[in-house]
Amino acid sequence: SRSHARAVRIQETVKITELLSRLGYYVKADDPSEQQFKCDLHGGHDAKPSARVYPLTNSWFCWGCGKPRG
């Protein structure tokens, strides 16, 4: 579908670490390794990091939400 193709184009163009950083999540945009960060997108306010970002695949996963993103 057109919306899926648009989402793929965005994912190929925008770095996930840069996007999360601009949204206020503490990640190092220039670090290619996996990084953990506190995710509040599932409605909680975590005391410890609940999500991990994977810069090499431009994706992330939150254990609080239980859903992959990317």
C-alpha atoms as a PDB file:
ATOM      1  CA  SER A   1       0.000   0.000   0.000  1.00  0.00           C
ATOM      2  CA  ARG A   2       1.015   3.629  -0.339  1.00  0.00           C
ATOM      3  CA  SER A   3       1.179   4.198   3.420  1.00  0.00           C
ATOM      4  CA  HIS A   4       3.492   1.197   3.878  1.00  0.00           C
ATOM      5  CA  ALA A   5       5.767   2.421   1.086  1.00  0.00           C
ATOM      6  CA  ARG A   6       5.849   5.873   2.699  1.00  0.00           C
ATOM      7  CA  ALA A   7       6.736   4.352   6.097  1.00  0.00           C
ATOM      8  CA  VAL A   8       9.574   2.356   4.522  1.00  0.00           C
ATOM      9  CA  ARG A   9      10.930   5.495   2.805  1.00  0.00           C
ATOM     10  CA  ILE A  10      10.873   7.395   6.104  1.00  0.00           C
ATOM     11  CA  GLN A  11      12.610   4.552   7.951  1.00  0.00           C
ATOM     12  CA  GLU A  12      15.319   4.448   5.278  1.00  0.00           C
ATOM     13  CA  THR A  13      15.827   8.221   5.478  1.00  0.00           C
ATOM     14  CA  VAL A  14      15.500   9.097   9.181  1.00  0.00           C
ATOM     15  CA  LYS A  15      17.883   7.612  11.758  1.00  0.00           C
ATOM     16  CA  ILE A  16      15.951   6.168  14.704  1.00  0.00           C
ATOM     17  CA  THR A  17      18.548   7.444  17.188  1.00  0.00           C
ATOM     18  CA  GLU A  18      18.245  10.986  15.848  1.00  0.00           C
ATOM     19  CA  LEU A  19      14.447  10.853  15.964  1.00  0.00           C
ATOM     20  CA  LEU A  20      14.366   9.543  19.551  1.00  0.00           C
ATOM     21  CA  SER A  21      16.928  12.127  20.623  1.00  0.00           C
ATOM     22  CA  ARG A  22      14.871  14.967  19.094  1.00  0.00           C
ATOM     23  CA  LEU A  23      11.793  13.654  20.904  1.00  0.00           C
ATOM     24  CA  GLY A  24      13.658  13.955  24.212  1.00  0.00           C
ATOM     25  CA  TYR A  25      14.766  10.372  24.766  1.00  0.00           C
ATOM     26  CA  TYR A  26      18.341  10.018  25.959  1.00  0.00           C
ATOM     27  CA  VAL A  27      20.198   8.139  23.225  1.00  0.00           C
ATOM     28  CA  LYS A  28      23.513   8.912  21.579  1.00  0.00           C
ATOM     29  CA  ALA A  29      22.715   9.675  17.959  1.00  0.00           C
ATOM     30  CA  ASP A  30      26.267   8.916  16.793  1.00  0.00           C
ATOM     31  CA  ASP A  31      26.695   5.610  18.699  1.00  0.00           C
ATOM     32  CA  PRO A  32      26.244   2.557  16.412  1.00  0.00           C
ATOM     33  CA  SER A  33      25.877   0.108  19.318  1.00  0.00           C
ATOM     34  CA  GLU A  34      22.625  -1.010  20.940  1.00  0.00           C
ATOM     35  CA  GLN A  35      21.457   1.451  23.578  1.00  0.00           C
ATOM     36  CA  GLN A  36      18.853   1.359  26.304  1.00  0.00           C
ATOM     37  CA  PHE A  37      16.518   4.242  27.079  1.00  0.00           C
ATOM     38  CA  LYS A  38      13.509   4.994  29.241  1.00  0.00           C
ATOM     39  CA  CYS A  39      10.305   4.622  27.227  1.00  0.00           C
ATOM     40  CA  ASP A  40       7.105   6.303  28.344  1.00  0.00           C
ATOM     41  CA  LEU A  41       5.141   5.582  25.178  1.00  0.00           C
ATOM     42  CA  HIS A  42       3.325   2.674  26.856  1.00  0.00           C
ATOM     43  CA  GLY A  43       1.816   4.985  29.472  1.00  0.00           C
ATOM     44  CA  GLY A  44       4.317   4.373  32.244  1.00  0.00           C
ATOM     45  CA  HIS A  45       7.170   6.386  33.625  1.00  0.00           C
ATOM     46  CA  ASP A  46      10.045   3.973  33.995  1.00  0.00           C
ATOM     47  CA  ALA A  47      12.661   4.331  36.712  1.00  0.00           C
ATOM     48  CA  LYS A  48      15.024   2.216  34.606  1.00  0.00           C
ATOM     49  CA  PRO A  49      15.465   1.888  30.846  1.00  0.00           C
ATOM     50  CA  SER A  50      12.693  -0.278  29.403  1.00  0.00           C
ATOM     51  CA  ALA A  51      13.554  -0.050  25.713  1.00  0.00           C
ATOM     52  CA  ARG A  52      16.512  -0.750  23.479  1.00  0.00           C
ATOM     53  CA  VAL A  53      17.363   0.974  20.211  1.00  0.00           C
ATOM     54  CA  TYR A  54      19.200  -0.881  17.432  1.00  0.00           C
ATOM     55  CA  PRO A  55      20.908   1.692  15.179  1.00  0.00           C
ATOM     56  CA  LEU A  56      22.163  -0.869  12.659  1.00  0.00           C
ATOM     57  CA  THR A  57      18.616  -1.975  11.803  1.00  0.00           C
ATOM     58  CA  ASN A  58      17.078   1.457  12.530  1.00  0.00           C
ATOM     59  CA  SER A  59      14.584  -0.069  14.959  1.00  0.00           C
ATOM     60  CA  TRP A  60      13.791  -0.403  18.653  1.00  0.00           C
ATOM     61  CA  PHE A  61      11.934  -2.625  21.099  1.00  0.00           C
ATOM     62  CA  CYS A  62      10.215  -1.730  24.375  1.00  0.00           C
ATOM     63  CA  TRP A  63       9.690  -4.402  26.994  1.00  0.00           C
ATOM     64  CA  GLY A  64       7.012  -2.234  28.677  1.00  0.00           C
ATOM     65  CA  CYS A  65       4.971  -2.020  25.467  1.00  0.00           C
ATOM     66  CA  GLY A  66       5.963  -5.481  24.310  1.00  0.00           C
ATOM     67  CA  LYS A  67       6.026  -4.315  20.718  1.00  0.00           C
ATOM     68  CA  PRO A  68       8.847  -3.865  18.211  1.00  0.00           C
ATOM     69  CA  ARG A  69       9.194  -0.549  16.435  1.00  0.00           C
ATOM     70  CA  GLY A  70      10.912   0.073  13.203  1.00  0.00           C
END
